[in-house]
Amino acid sequence: MTEDEKKQVAVFRFSVISDFINTNGLCQSEKNRLMKDKCARKWQIPFSQKTRISKGTIFRWIRLYKNSNGDLRSLHPKDRSDQKKSRALDEDTCLALINLRLQMPEATVPYLIEQMHVQKRVTPGVMLNNSTVYRFLHQENLMQQSEGKPEDRRKFEAELPNDLWQSDVMHGPRVDVAGRMRKTYLIAIIDDHSRLVVYARFYLSETLASYLDAFENALARRGLPRKLYVDNGAAFRSRHLEYITASLSIALIHARPYKPQGKGKIERWFKTVRTRFLFNYTAVSLDTLNADLNQWINDDYHQKKHTSTGQTPFDRFTSQMHCLRNAPVNLKDYFRQVARRTIGKDRTITLNGRLYEGPVALIGKRVELLYHDTEPEKVEVKYQNNSFGLARPVDIHVNCRVKRDKNNNPQPAGDHHGTYRSGTLFNRRNPHE
């Protein structure tokens, strides 16, 4: 009980006994009648469920007050003599728990309770439950052994722009997609030094494909970071992402499981999104939501001074442009995925529901197809680390007019000198036809 609560109780007790303290000349019969009335009355006792006060309690309060020469503090409720001691556990059970805890410092509370029963160290009639044992071990300072020592956490900030990017995913509002309400996910990447939002967009999923789209757009817009700090989600643990970052000389760093403190800057930005952008916002469609988000980031967030840096994110990021690494011109090639297919006898390959035509020389061979989701017309065929150019989408109407020679080489109608190169039919007399 706090000191203020004790004062409230003392004031209430004084109000009960004040008629006996401050009234002189009361005869015994009047005192008895007054005591009877007080014992029969229902009271609202502070911090108590009781409504009645016994005769002995009132006499005790009067005696305490008089013996202290009218000191109100004498009516303060006394702290329990067994304070900070378990009242649900007897002494033998408490000692057994302490000894068992010292023997198994890493054991969980449920396991300790199980072992107490197995070893028959619980006093008959005593009930052990998780909350009681957990509270008792905390009072005895015996839970810190399993929880570990306090960690040495320190506030940090990258020295330059693009030294370190933090990235994570936030659950967003629902939007209408073809007449259905779909949940959205905000994938965001923030520069640790400047707090500039490198790229942020709402997607309909938090899969690897969605994250790679956000990451590729971030690199194309702001250049290459030296480190990328991410969570431990399935998309962030992808080998494809690991290969992309390593190919671009970007160190991929994963946060420690259940330790979100390291991603404080991106988490703080998500809070800003919720309180400033999404507050009272009603999304109509996914495109509208992303357009409004982009405008808010550029016109509002990037132009306001950050409390930690004293600069706007845009000014802080652009003040040291000389240290930025530009993304390579062939950036999309780094994001290509690899699929393995066997070329059929009719030279066809199926990839993502599309039909392509491969080289004749590779019929029956298992080849690698390198492709980008946004460029389905550019599928490179590789076999034994050699490139055979781009596979051509099959046009069954053109193929019906193509003649085949005795070597099974496809020839355009009226010409027996064609050859397959880079996935395209070329005419030697006019390579542009």
Protein backbone atom coordinates (compact mmCIF):
# COMPACT_ATOMS: atom_id res chain seq x y z
CA MET A 1 0.00 0.00 0.00
CA THR A 2 1.35 3.42 -0.95
CA GLU A 3 1.83 6.25 1.50
CA ASP A 4 -1.10 8.18 0.00
CA GLU A 5 -3.37 5.18 0.37
CA LYS A 6 -2.30 4.77 4.00
CA LYS A 7 -3.25 8.41 4.65
CA GLN A 8 -6.71 7.84 3.16
CA VAL A 9 -7.25 4.86 5.46
CA ALA A 10 -6.07 6.83 8.51
CA VAL A 11 -8.49 9.66 7.74
CA PHE A 12 -11.36 7.18 7.45
CA ARG A 13 -10.46 5.53 10.77
CA PHE A 14 -10.32 8.88 12.51
CA SER A 15 -13.78 9.76 11.18
CA VAL A 16 -15.09 6.57 12.79
CA ILE A 17 -13.57 7.21 16.23
CA SER A 18 -13.83 11.01 16.28
CA ASP A 19 -17.12 10.90 18.25
CA PHE A 20 -15.32 9.12 21.07
CA ILE A 21 -12.22 11.30 20.97
CA ASN A 22 -13.57 14.84 20.73
CA THR A 23 -16.79 14.52 22.78
CA ASN A 24 -16.38 14.97 26.52
CA GLY A 25 -18.99 14.21 29.12
CA LEU A 26 -20.57 11.25 27.35
CA CYS A 27 -22.12 8.86 29.82
CA GLN A 28 -21.54 5.14 29.48
CA SER A 29 -25.00 4.46 28.11
CA GLU A 30 -24.52 7.07 25.38
CA LYS A 31 -21.13 5.56 24.50
CA ASN A 32 -22.69 2.10 24.27
CA ARG A 33 -25.49 3.38 22.02
CA LEU A 34 -22.97 5.19 19.78
CA MET A 35 -20.79 2.07 19.56
CA LYS A 36 -23.82 -0.07 18.71
CA ASP A 37 -24.82 2.30 15.90
CA LYS A 38 -21.34 2.30 14.40
CA CYS A 39 -21.11 -1.49 14.45
CA ALA A 40 -24.54 -1.85 12.82
CA ARG A 41 -23.85 0.68 10.08
CA LYS A 42 -22.57 -0.21 6.60
CA TRP A 43 -19.39 1.63 5.72
CA GLN A 44 -17.46 2.26 2.51
CA ILE A 45 -14.06 1.28 3.77
CA PRO A 46 -11.17 2.49 1.55
CA PHE A 47 -9.35 -0.29 -0.32
CA SER A 48 -11.46 -3.00 1.32
CA GLN A 49 -14.43 -5.16 0.34
CA LYS A 50 -15.74 -5.19 3.90
CA THR A 51 -18.66 -3.00 4.94
CA ARG A 52 -18.85 -3.67 8.70
CA ILE A 53 -16.55 -2.68 11.56
CA SER A 54 -16.42 -4.72 14.77
CA LYS A 55 -16.48 -3.33 18.29
CA GLY A 56 -13.00 -4.65 19.02
CA THR A 57 -11.57 -2.92 15.92
CA ILE A 58 -13.01 0.44 16.94
CA PHE A 59 -11.64 0.08 20.49
CA ARG A 60 -8.22 -0.79 19.03
CA TRP A 61 -8.21 2.35 16.85
CA ILE A 62 -9.17 4.51 19.86
CA ARG A 63 -6.40 3.01 21.96
CA LEU A 64 -3.75 3.49 19.24
CA TYR A 65 -4.75 7.10 18.72
CA LYS A 66 -4.74 7.99 22.45
CA ASN A 67 -1.45 6.20 23.15
CA SER A 68 0.22 8.24 20.37
CA ASN A 69 -1.04 11.52 21.85
CA GLY A 70 -3.26 12.21 18.86
CA ASP A 71 -0.79 11.34 16.09
CA LEU A 72 -2.78 10.46 12.97
CA ARG A 73 0.03 8.25 11.74
CA SER A 74 -0.88 5.76 14.47
CA LEU A 75 -4.00 4.95 12.43
CA HIS A 76 -1.99 4.10 9.32
CA PRO A 77 -2.43 0.43 8.32
CA LYS A 78 0.65 -1.60 9.17
CA ASP A 79 2.55 -3.52 6.52
CA ARG A 80 2.12 -7.26 6.69
CA SER A 81 4.81 -9.06 8.64
CA ASP A 82 4.96 -11.68 5.84
CA GLN A 83 5.35 -9.08 3.10
CA LYS A 84 7.43 -10.30 0.14
CA LYS A 85 6.93 -13.85 1.37
CA SER A 86 4.80 -16.40 -0.41
CA ARG A 87 1.58 -17.00 1.52
CA ALA A 88 0.48 -19.76 -0.88
CA LEU A 89 3.58 -21.88 -0.25
CA ASP A 90 4.77 -23.30 3.04
CA GLU A 91 8.37 -23.04 4.17
CA ASP A 92 9.37 -26.61 3.22
CA THR A 93 8.03 -26.23 -0.34
CA CYS A 94 9.77 -22.88 -0.70
CA LEU A 95 13.12 -24.34 0.35
CA ALA A 96 12.66 -27.29 -2.01
CA LEU A 97 11.90 -24.92 -4.89
CA ILE A 98 15.00 -22.85 -4.17
CA ASN A 99 17.25 -25.93 -4.08
CA LEU A 100 15.76 -27.34 -7.26
CA ARG A 101 16.14 -23.98 -9.00
CA LEU A 102 19.82 -23.82 -8.07
CA GLN A 103 20.30 -27.31 -9.49
CA MET A 104 18.48 -26.44 -12.76
CA PRO A 105 19.00 -22.70 -13.39
CA GLU A 106 17.92 -22.92 -17.06
CA ALA A 107 14.73 -24.91 -16.47
CA THR A 108 11.34 -23.35 -17.20
CA VAL A 109 8.74 -22.83 -14.47
CA PRO A 110 6.39 -25.59 -15.78
CA TYR A 111 9.30 -28.03 -15.82
CA LEU A 112 10.27 -27.08 -12.25
CA ILE A 113 6.70 -27.73 -11.09
CA GLU A 114 6.71 -31.09 -12.85
CA GLN A 115 9.98 -32.09 -11.18
CA MET A 116 8.71 -30.96 -7.77
CA HIS A 117 5.83 -33.44 -8.12
CA VAL A 118 8.01 -36.19 -9.59
CA GLN A 119 10.48 -35.90 -6.71
CA LYS A 120 7.59 -35.63 -4.20
CA ARG A 121 8.94 -32.42 -2.71
CA VAL A 122 5.57 -30.64 -2.51
CA THR A 123 3.90 -30.50 0.89
CA PRO A 124 0.52 -32.29 0.77
CA GLY A 125 -2.31 -29.81 0.26
CA VAL A 126 -0.10 -27.17 -1.39
CA MET A 127 -1.05 -26.26 -4.96
CA LEU A 128 1.75 -25.23 -7.32
CA ASN A 129 0.77 -23.14 -10.33
CA ASN A 130 2.85 -21.18 -12.83
CA SER A 131 2.05 -17.69 -11.53
CA THR A 132 2.72 -18.56 -7.88
CA VAL A 133 6.07 -20.24 -8.58
CA TYR A 134 7.10 -17.56 -11.07
CA ARG A 135 6.34 -14.79 -8.55
CA PHE A 136 8.16 -16.63 -5.75
CA LEU A 137 11.31 -17.18 -7.84
CA HIS A 138 11.29 -13.51 -8.86
CA GLN A 139 11.09 -12.46 -5.19
CA GLU A 140 14.09 -14.67 -4.50
CA ASN A 141 15.99 -13.23 -7.51
CA LEU A 142 16.19 -16.68 -9.06
CA MET A 143 14.63 -15.88 -12.43
CA GLN A 144 17.53 -13.79 -13.70
CA GLN A 145 19.64 -16.90 -14.17
CA SER A 146 17.38 -18.16 -16.94
CA GLU A 147 16.62 -14.75 -18.37
CA GLY A 148 20.33 -13.93 -18.65
CA LYS A 149 22.27 -10.84 -17.76
CA PRO A 150 21.20 -7.41 -19.02
CA GLU A 151 22.46 -6.82 -22.55
CA ASP A 152 24.85 -4.05 -23.47
CA ARG A 153 22.69 -2.15 -25.95
CA ARG A 154 23.93 1.12 -27.38
CA LYS A 155 22.35 3.71 -29.59
CA PHE A 156 23.94 3.74 -33.03
CA GLU A 157 23.75 5.61 -36.32
CA ALA A 158 25.42 4.95 -39.66
CA GLU A 159 28.15 7.44 -40.44
CA LEU A 160 27.17 8.17 -44.06
CA PRO A 161 24.13 7.84 -46.34
CA ASN A 162 23.71 4.34 -47.78
CA ASP A 163 26.05 2.87 -45.19
CA LEU A 164 23.14 0.96 -43.71
CA TRP A 165 19.54 0.37 -44.76
CA GLN A 166 16.90 -0.98 -42.39
CA SER A 167 13.93 -2.84 -43.81
CA ASP A 168 10.78 -4.47 -42.47
CA VAL A 169 7.09 -5.16 -43.19
CA MET A 170 4.02 -3.59 -41.54
CA HIS A 171 0.43 -4.78 -41.80
CA GLY A 172 -1.62 -2.17 -43.65
CA PRO A 173 -5.31 -1.38 -44.25
CA ARG A 174 -7.68 -3.38 -46.42
CA VAL A 175 -8.40 -2.19 -49.95
CA ASP A 176 -10.89 -3.12 -52.63
CA VAL A 177 -9.41 -5.43 -55.25
CA ALA A 178 -11.86 -6.55 -57.96
CA GLY A 179 -14.78 -6.29 -55.57
CA ARG A 180 -13.01 -8.04 -52.68
CA MET A 181 -11.46 -6.47 -49.61
CA ARG A 182 -7.82 -7.54 -49.45
CA LYS A 183 -5.28 -6.96 -46.70
CA THR A 184 -2.18 -4.93 -47.57
CA TYR A 185 1.41 -5.07 -46.37
CA LEU A 186 3.71 -2.06 -46.27
CA ILE A 187 7.24 -3.01 -47.28
CA ALA A 188 9.62 -0.18 -46.43
CA ILE A 189 13.35 0.49 -46.55
CA ILE A 190 14.88 3.41 -44.62
CA ASP A 191 18.38 4.88 -44.65
CA ASP A 192 19.83 4.64 -41.15
CA HIS A 193 21.96 7.81 -41.38
CA SER A 194 19.41 10.25 -42.78
CA ARG A 195 16.06 8.51 -41.98
CA LEU A 196 15.20 8.97 -45.65
CA VAL A 197 12.62 6.46 -46.87
CA VAL A 198 14.51 4.82 -49.71
CA TYR A 199 11.40 3.02 -50.93
CA ALA A 200 8.01 2.14 -49.48
CA ARG A 201 4.98 0.55 -51.07
CA PHE A 202 1.85 -1.36 -50.05
CA TYR A 203 1.59 -4.88 -51.52
CA LEU A 204 -1.07 -7.57 -51.35
CA SER A 205 1.40 -10.06 -49.89
CA GLU A 206 4.67 -10.14 -47.97
CA THR A 207 6.23 -12.84 -50.15
CA LEU A 208 9.73 -12.84 -51.56
CA ALA A 209 8.48 -11.58 -54.93
CA SER A 210 6.96 -8.49 -53.28
CA TYR A 211 10.10 -7.76 -51.28
CA LEU A 212 12.40 -8.17 -54.28
CA ASP A 213 10.26 -5.70 -56.21
CA ALA A 214 10.61 -3.15 -53.39
CA PHE A 215 14.34 -3.79 -53.00
CA GLU A 216 15.03 -3.48 -56.74
CA ASN A 217 13.13 -0.18 -56.93
CA ALA A 218 15.05 1.11 -53.90
CA LEU A 219 18.40 0.30 -55.53
CA ALA A 220 17.39 1.88 -58.82
CA ARG A 221 16.31 5.10 -57.07
CA ARG A 222 18.93 5.60 -54.35
CA GLY A 223 21.98 3.52 -55.31
CA LEU A 224 23.63 0.62 -53.52
CA PRO A 225 23.91 0.41 -49.72
CA ARG A 226 26.84 -1.22 -48.00
CA LYS A 227 24.66 -3.14 -45.54
CA LEU A 228 21.02 -4.25 -45.47
CA TYR A 229 19.57 -4.91 -42.02
CA VAL A 230 16.44 -7.10 -42.10
CA ASP A 231 14.24 -9.30 -39.96
CA ASN A 232 14.16 -13.11 -39.84
CA GLY A 233 11.03 -13.61 -41.95
CA ALA A 234 10.90 -16.23 -44.70
CA ALA A 235 11.43 -13.64 -47.46
CA PHE A 236 14.50 -12.21 -45.72
CA ARG A 237 16.03 -15.67 -45.28
CA SER A 238 15.74 -16.46 -48.97
CA ARG A 239 18.85 -17.78 -50.72
CA HIS A 240 17.86 -15.76 -53.75
CA LEU A 241 18.01 -12.54 -51.71
CA GLU A 242 21.34 -13.62 -50.23
CA TYR A 243 22.75 -14.20 -53.71
CA ILE A 244 21.48 -10.85 -55.03
CA THR A 245 22.99 -8.86 -52.16
CA ALA A 246 26.29 -10.72 -52.35
CA SER A 247 26.47 -10.15 -56.13
CA LEU A 248 26.03 -6.42 -55.54
CA SER A 249 28.58 -6.33 -52.69
CA ILE A 250 25.89 -5.67 -50.10
CA ALA A 251 26.24 -7.28 -46.67
CA LEU A 252 22.93 -8.87 -45.62
CA ILE A 253 22.50 -8.69 -41.83
CA HIS A 254 19.66 -10.38 -39.96
CA ALA A 255 18.35 -9.09 -36.64
CA ARG A 256 18.64 -11.41 -33.68
CA PRO A 257 15.42 -13.39 -33.12
CA TYR A 258 13.03 -11.72 -30.65
CA LYS A 259 15.32 -8.67 -30.40
CA PRO A 260 13.46 -5.89 -32.26
CA GLN A 261 15.48 -3.11 -30.61
CA GLY A 262 18.06 -3.13 -33.42
CA LYS A 263 15.41 -2.12 -35.96
CA GLY A 264 14.27 0.84 -33.92
CA LYS A 265 14.41 3.39 -36.74
CA ILE A 266 12.18 1.49 -39.17
CA GLU A 267 9.79 0.57 -36.33
CA ARG A 268 9.61 4.23 -35.31
CA TRP A 269 8.81 5.21 -38.91
CA PHE A 270 6.01 2.64 -39.01
CA LYS A 271 4.56 4.31 -35.93
CA THR A 272 4.73 7.65 -37.75
CA VAL A 273 2.87 6.12 -40.69
CA ARG A 274 0.11 4.86 -38.40
CA THR A 275 -0.30 8.12 -36.47
CA ARG A 276 0.19 10.64 -39.27
CA PHE A 277 -0.62 9.01 -42.59
CA LEU A 278 -3.11 6.21 -41.84
CA PHE A 279 -4.92 8.04 -39.03
CA ASN A 280 -8.52 8.54 -40.23
CA TYR A 281 -7.43 7.48 -43.73
CA THR A 282 -9.83 5.43 -45.85
CA ALA A 283 -8.17 3.58 -48.72
CA VAL A 284 -10.18 3.17 -51.91
CA SER A 285 -7.82 1.08 -54.01
CA LEU A 286 -4.25 -0.16 -53.87
CA ASP A 287 -3.06 2.30 -56.51
CA THR A 288 -4.67 5.23 -54.69
CA LEU A 289 -3.19 4.11 -51.39
CA ASN A 290 0.32 3.94 -52.82
CA ALA A 291 -0.04 7.25 -54.66
CA ASP A 292 -1.13 8.99 -51.46
CA LEU A 293 1.67 7.32 -49.49
CA ASN A 294 4.29 8.45 -52.00
CA GLN A 295 2.99 12.02 -51.93
CA TRP A 296 2.95 12.10 -48.13
CA ILE A 297 6.54 10.79 -47.94
CA ASN A 298 7.91 13.31 -50.46
CA ASP A 299 5.89 16.39 -49.46
CA ASP A 300 5.56 15.85 -45.72
CA TYR A 301 7.92 13.36 -44.08
CA HIS A 302 11.04 14.10 -46.16
CA GLN A 303 10.62 17.86 -45.70
CA LYS A 304 10.27 17.98 -41.90
CA LYS A 305 13.23 18.18 -39.55
CA HIS A 306 13.90 14.96 -37.72
CA THR A 307 14.16 15.37 -33.94
CA SER A 308 17.28 13.17 -33.71
CA THR A 309 19.30 14.62 -36.60
CA GLY A 310 18.12 18.23 -36.63
CA GLN A 311 17.82 18.03 -40.44
CA THR A 312 15.19 16.94 -42.90
CA PRO A 313 15.74 13.39 -44.16
CA PHE A 314 16.10 14.66 -47.75
CA ASP A 315 18.71 17.32 -46.89
CA ARG A 316 20.71 14.94 -44.73
CA PHE A 317 20.75 12.24 -47.43
CA THR A 318 21.69 14.57 -50.30
CA SER A 319 24.36 16.51 -48.36
CA GLN A 320 26.96 13.80 -49.05
CA MET A 321 26.12 12.50 -52.50
CA HIS A 322 29.78 11.85 -53.28
CA CYS A 323 29.82 8.69 -51.16
CA LEU A 324 26.88 6.99 -52.91
CA ARG A 325 27.36 3.99 -55.19
CA ASN A 326 25.21 3.98 -58.32
CA ALA A 327 23.26 0.87 -59.21
CA PRO A 328 24.60 -1.02 -62.27
CA VAL A 329 22.92 -0.41 -65.62
CA ASN A 330 21.97 -4.11 -65.88
CA LEU A 331 20.40 -4.12 -62.41
CA LYS A 332 17.50 -6.32 -63.55
CA ASP A 333 19.93 -9.09 -64.48
CA TYR A 334 20.91 -9.42 -60.80
CA PHE A 335 17.28 -10.04 -59.88
CA ARG A 336 16.65 -12.73 -62.46
CA GLN A 337 15.42 -16.05 -61.16
CA VAL A 338 16.58 -19.46 -62.35
CA ALA A 339 14.28 -22.29 -63.42
CA ARG A 340 15.31 -25.67 -64.76
CA ARG A 341 13.36 -27.25 -67.60
CA THR A 342 13.81 -30.04 -70.13
CA ILE A 343 13.32 -28.99 -73.76
CA GLY A 344 10.66 -31.17 -75.39
CA LYS A 345 10.94 -32.95 -78.71
CA ASP A 346 8.92 -30.15 -80.30
CA ARG A 347 11.49 -27.65 -78.92
CA THR A 348 9.01 -26.19 -76.42
CA ILE A 349 9.60 -25.09 -72.83
CA THR A 350 6.88 -24.08 -70.37
CA LEU A 351 7.64 -21.33 -67.86
CA ASN A 352 5.04 -19.65 -65.62
CA GLY A 353 2.24 -20.75 -67.93
CA ARG A 354 3.96 -19.41 -71.07
CA LEU A 355 5.26 -21.53 -73.95
CA TYR A 356 8.74 -20.83 -75.34
CA GLU A 357 10.83 -22.31 -78.14
CA GLY A 358 14.37 -23.47 -77.44
CA PRO A 359 17.36 -24.33 -79.66
CA VAL A 360 17.21 -27.52 -81.69
CA ALA A 361 20.62 -28.57 -80.41
CA LEU A 362 19.26 -28.73 -76.86
CA ILE A 363 16.23 -30.95 -77.53
CA GLY A 364 15.93 -33.39 -74.64
CA LYS A 365 18.49 -31.48 -72.58
CA ARG A 366 17.77 -30.05 -69.11
CA VAL A 367 18.57 -26.35 -69.34
CA GLU A 368 18.55 -23.32 -67.06
CA LEU A 369 16.17 -20.45 -67.77
CA LEU A 370 17.09 -17.03 -66.43
CA TYR A 371 14.11 -14.67 -66.29
CA HIS A 372 12.69 -11.59 -64.59
CA ASP A 373 9.03 -11.45 -63.59
CA THR A 374 8.55 -8.02 -65.19
CA GLU A 375 10.14 -9.05 -68.51
CA PRO A 376 8.54 -12.36 -69.58
CA GLU A 377 9.71 -11.82 -73.16
CA LYS A 378 13.39 -12.02 -72.11
CA VAL A 379 14.15 -15.59 -71.04
CA GLU A 380 17.79 -16.57 -71.45
CA VAL A 381 18.63 -20.24 -72.10
CA LYS A 382 21.82 -21.63 -70.54
CA TYR A 383 23.30 -25.10 -70.76
CA GLN A 384 26.51 -26.17 -69.06
CA ASN A 385 27.28 -22.51 -68.21
CA ASN A 386 27.01 -21.49 -71.89
CA SER A 387 24.38 -19.02 -73.04
CA PHE A 388 22.20 -19.98 -76.00
CA GLY A 389 20.51 -16.60 -76.25
CA LEU A 390 16.89 -15.76 -75.60
CA ALA A 391 14.06 -18.24 -75.93
CA ARG A 392 11.33 -17.10 -78.31
CA PRO A 393 7.64 -17.26 -77.32
CA VAL A 394 5.95 -19.91 -79.45
CA ASP A 395 3.71 -18.70 -82.29
CA ILE A 396 1.87 -21.79 -83.56
CA HIS A 397 0.61 -19.91 -86.62
CA VAL A 398 4.14 -19.03 -87.76
CA ASN A 399 5.37 -22.56 -87.05
CA CYS A 400 2.79 -24.06 -89.40
CA ARG A 401 4.53 -22.29 -92.30
CA VAL A 402 8.08 -23.29 -91.29
CA LYS A 403 9.74 -26.09 -93.29
CA ARG A 404 12.10 -28.57 -91.65
CA ASP A 405 15.27 -29.88 -93.34
CA LYS A 406 16.66 -33.38 -93.01
CA ASN A 407 18.74 -32.27 -89.98
CA ASN A 408 15.57 -31.06 -88.19
CA ASN A 409 16.74 -27.44 -88.45
CA PRO A 410 13.75 -25.08 -88.77
CA GLN A 411 13.80 -23.11 -92.02
CA PRO A 412 11.56 -20.20 -92.97
CA ALA A 413 9.35 -20.91 -95.94
CA GLY A 414 11.21 -20.33 -99.25
CA ASP A 415 14.65 -20.32 -97.58
CA HIS A 416 16.83 -23.31 -96.68
CA HIS A 417 19.73 -21.35 -95.18
CA GLY A 418 18.26 -20.18 -91.84
CA THR A 419 19.86 -20.90 -88.49
CA TYR A 420 18.87 -20.50 -84.80
CA ARG A 421 20.81 -17.91 -82.92
CA SER A 422 20.00 -16.35 -79.54
CA GLY A 423 16.53 -17.85 -79.56
CA THR A 424 15.51 -16.14 -82.81
CA LEU A 425 15.28 -17.28 -86.40
CA PHE A 426 17.74 -15.31 -88.51
CA ASN A 427 18.06 -15.24 -92.31
CA ARG A 428 21.69 -15.24 -93.41
CA ARG A 429 20.91 -13.17 -96.52
CA ASN A 430 19.15 -10.50 -94.43
CA PRO A 431 19.64 -10.78 -90.70
CA HIS A 432 17.03 -8.04 -90.06
CA GLU A 433 14.13 -9.96 -91.59
